């Protein structure tokens, strides 16, 4: 059983654990699976307070050329990081968003 299969099995047993959904999304991202978007969207909609999602999800959508969605995700992550007083994550999200905006000029 590979890591993705293991995480999917755990997710069946613990469907309300955002860490498992995040791990599944990252495993799909590694293999460039279309399922990546499904799991990132699940995280964003069902677990909006799971801060780790925002950087990876925005990066994924930017890589796929879905820039408006990526920028929106960065904005939501920036707001959440601000609300949670997570300064390191806030700086990372702001920097990544700024880099994307520069690339889009």
C-alpha atoms as a PDB file:
ATOM      1  CA  UNK A   1       0.000   0.000   0.000  1.00  0.00           C
ATOM      2  CA  UNK A   2       1.486   3.354  -1.008  1.00  0.00           C
ATOM      3  CA  UNK A   3       1.154   6.596   0.941  1.00  0.00           C
ATOM      4  CA  UNK A   4      -1.839   7.852  -1.057  1.00  0.00           C
ATOM      5  CA  UNK A   5      -3.732   4.596  -0.595  1.00  0.00           C
ATOM      6  CA  UNK A   6      -2.946   4.653   3.110  1.00  0.00           C
ATOM      7  CA  UNK A   7      -4.194   8.238   3.494  1.00  0.00           C
ATOM      8  CA  UNK A   8      -7.356   7.456   1.531  1.00  0.00           C
ATOM      9  CA  UNK A   9      -8.038   4.502   3.824  1.00  0.00           C
ATOM     10  CA  UNK A  10      -7.508   6.650   6.924  1.00  0.00           C
ATOM     11  CA  UNK A  11      -9.761   9.333   5.431  1.00  0.00           C
ATOM     12  CA  UNK A  12     -12.581   6.800   5.082  1.00  0.00           C
ATOM     13  CA  UNK A  13     -12.225   6.085   8.792  1.00  0.00           C
ATOM     14  CA  UNK A  14     -11.772   9.730   9.826  1.00  0.00           C
ATOM     15  CA  UNK A  15     -13.533  11.917   7.232  1.00  0.00           C
ATOM     16  CA  UNK A  16     -13.480  15.023   9.450  1.00  0.00           C
ATOM     17  CA  UNK A  17      -9.699  15.187   9.806  1.00  0.00           C
ATOM     18  CA  UNK A  18      -8.389  18.057   7.654  1.00  0.00           C
ATOM     19  CA  UNK A  19      -4.795  16.842   8.006  1.00  0.00           C
ATOM     20  CA  UNK A  20      -5.676  13.655   6.115  1.00  0.00           C
ATOM     21  CA  UNK A  21      -7.444  15.573   3.343  1.00  0.00           C
ATOM     22  CA  UNK A  22      -4.430  17.891   3.117  1.00  0.00           C
ATOM     23  CA  UNK A  23      -2.085  14.919   2.842  1.00  0.00           C
ATOM     24  CA  UNK A  24      -4.239  13.388   0.109  1.00  0.00           C
ATOM     25  CA  UNK A  25      -4.237  16.677  -1.812  1.00  0.00           C
ATOM     26  CA  UNK A  26      -0.440  16.900  -1.585  1.00  0.00           C
ATOM     27  CA  UNK A  27       0.006  13.295  -2.708  1.00  0.00           C
ATOM     28  CA  UNK A  28      -2.228  13.955  -5.719  1.00  0.00           C
ATOM     29  CA  UNK A  29      -0.278  17.154  -6.407  1.00  0.00           C
ATOM     30  CA  UNK A  30       2.981  15.168  -6.532  1.00  0.00           C
ATOM     31  CA  UNK A  31       1.638  12.985  -9.327  1.00  0.00           C
ATOM     32  CA  UNK A  32      -0.156  15.869 -11.089  1.00  0.00           C
ATOM     33  CA  UNK A  33      -3.533  14.198 -10.675  1.00  0.00           C
ATOM     34  CA  UNK A  34      -6.794  15.926 -11.565  1.00  0.00           C
ATOM     35  CA  UNK A  35      -7.992  14.839  -8.113  1.00  0.00           C
ATOM     36  CA  UNK A  36      -5.716  17.481  -6.580  1.00  0.00           C
ATOM     37  CA  UNK A  37      -8.269  20.221  -7.229  1.00  0.00           C
ATOM     38  CA  UNK A  38     -11.041  18.080  -5.741  1.00  0.00           C
ATOM     39  CA  UNK A  39      -9.208  17.684  -2.451  1.00  0.00           C
ATOM     40  CA  UNK A  40      -8.027  21.293  -2.258  1.00  0.00           C
ATOM     41  CA  UNK A  41     -11.602  22.447  -2.890  1.00  0.00           C
ATOM     42  CA  UNK A  42     -12.829  20.048  -0.216  1.00  0.00           C
ATOM     43  CA  UNK A  43     -10.358  21.558   2.238  1.00  0.00           C
ATOM     44  CA  UNK A  44     -11.229  25.135   1.332  1.00  0.00           C
ATOM     45  CA  UNK A  45     -14.969  24.510   1.631  1.00  0.00           C
ATOM     46  CA  UNK A  46     -15.172  22.047   4.511  1.00  0.00           C
ATOM     47  CA  UNK A  47     -12.163  23.086   6.594  1.00  0.00           C
ATOM     48  CA  UNK A  48     -11.699  26.818   5.917  1.00  0.00           C
ATOM     49  CA  UNK A  49      -9.729  27.296   9.142  1.00  0.00           C
ATOM     50  CA  UNK A  50      -7.011  24.825   8.139  1.00  0.00           C
ATOM     51  CA  UNK A  51      -4.331  27.402   7.392  1.00  0.00           C
ATOM     52  CA  UNK A  52      -1.804  25.084   5.745  1.00  0.00           C
ATOM     53  CA  UNK A  53      -4.175  24.639   2.820  1.00  0.00           C
ATOM     54  CA  UNK A  54      -3.949  28.161   1.467  1.00  0.00           C
ATOM     55  CA  UNK A  55      -0.341  28.320   0.310  1.00  0.00           C
ATOM     56  CA  UNK A  56      -0.376  24.896  -1.349  1.00  0.00           C
ATOM     57  CA  UNK A  57      -3.813  25.313  -2.919  1.00  0.00           C
ATOM     58  CA  UNK A  58      -3.048  28.756  -4.326  1.00  0.00           C
ATOM     59  CA  UNK A  59       0.267  27.505  -5.691  1.00  0.00           C
ATOM     60  CA  UNK A  60      -1.473  24.561  -7.341  1.00  0.00           C
ATOM     61  CA  UNK A  61      -4.133  26.687  -9.037  1.00  0.00           C
ATOM     62  CA  UNK A  62      -1.515  29.208 -10.168  1.00  0.00           C
ATOM     63  CA  UNK A  63       0.534  26.394 -11.709  1.00  0.00           C
ATOM     64  CA  UNK A  64      -2.598  25.291 -13.574  1.00  0.00           C
ATOM     65  CA  UNK A  65      -3.124  28.821 -14.903  1.00  0.00           C
ATOM     66  CA  UNK A  66      -6.212  29.476 -12.796  1.00  0.00           C
ATOM     67  CA  UNK A  67      -4.819  32.763 -11.580  1.00  0.00           C
ATOM     68  CA  UNK A  68      -7.979  34.467 -10.338  1.00  0.00           C
ATOM     69  CA  UNK A  69      -8.758  31.525  -8.071  1.00  0.00           C
ATOM     70  CA  UNK A  70      -5.144  31.401  -6.860  1.00  0.00           C
ATOM     71  CA  UNK A  71      -5.211  35.092  -5.942  1.00  0.00           C
ATOM     72  CA  UNK A  72      -8.533  34.655  -4.155  1.00  0.00           C
ATOM     73  CA  UNK A  73      -7.113  31.755  -2.152  1.00  0.00           C
ATOM     74  CA  UNK A  74      -4.054  33.797  -1.228  1.00  0.00           C
ATOM     75  CA  UNK A  75      -6.335  36.609  -0.031  1.00  0.00           C
ATOM     76  CA  UNK A  76      -8.399  34.258   2.131  1.00  0.00           C
ATOM     77  CA  UNK A  77      -5.248  32.709   3.545  1.00  0.00           C
ATOM     78  CA  UNK A  78      -3.789  36.127   4.299  1.00  0.00           C
ATOM     79  CA  UNK A  79      -6.954  37.068   6.166  1.00  0.00           C
ATOM     80  CA  UNK A  80      -6.965  33.814   8.126  1.00  0.00           C
ATOM     81  CA  UNK A  81      -3.271  34.098   9.001  1.00  0.00           C
ATOM     82  CA  UNK A  82      -3.895  37.671  10.169  1.00  0.00           C
ATOM     83  CA  UNK A  83      -6.864  36.566  12.282  1.00  0.00           C
ATOM     84  CA  UNK A  84      -4.805  33.741  13.823  1.00  0.00           C
ATOM     85  CA  UNK A  85      -1.777  35.986  14.321  1.00  0.00           C
ATOM     86  CA  UNK A  86       0.389  33.526  12.358  1.00  0.00           C
ATOM     87  CA  UNK A  87       3.064  35.959  11.239  1.00  0.00           C
ATOM     88  CA  UNK A  88       5.368  33.483   9.459  1.00  0.00           C
ATOM     89  CA  UNK A  89       2.552  32.047   7.386  1.00  0.00           C
ATOM     90  CA  UNK A  90       1.204  35.540   6.760  1.00  0.00           C
ATOM     91  CA  UNK A  91       4.565  36.657   5.367  1.00  0.00           C
ATOM     92  CA  UNK A  92       4.828  33.537   3.181  1.00  0.00           C
ATOM     93  CA  UNK A  93       1.337  34.030   1.753  1.00  0.00           C
ATOM     94  CA  UNK A  94       1.884  37.744   1.084  1.00  0.00           C
ATOM     95  CA  UNK A  95       5.197  37.045  -0.616  1.00  0.00           C
ATOM     96  CA  UNK A  96       3.765  34.274  -2.783  1.00  0.00           C
ATOM     97  CA  UNK A  97       0.807  36.429  -3.790  1.00  0.00           C
ATOM     98  CA  UNK A  98       3.075  39.341  -4.642  1.00  0.00           C
ATOM     99  CA  UNK A  99       5.298  37.078  -6.750  1.00  0.00           C
ATOM    100  CA  UNK A 100       2.273  35.796  -8.656  1.00  0.00           C
ATOM    101  CA  UNK A 101       1.019  39.342  -9.243  1.00  0.00           C
ATOM    102  CA  UNK A 102       4.445  40.335 -10.580  1.00  0.00           C
ATOM    103  CA  UNK A 103       4.482  37.288 -12.874  1.00  0.00           C
ATOM    104  CA  UNK A 104       1.070  38.286 -14.225  1.00  0.00           C
ATOM    105  CA  UNK A 105       2.144  41.819 -15.152  1.00  0.00           C
END
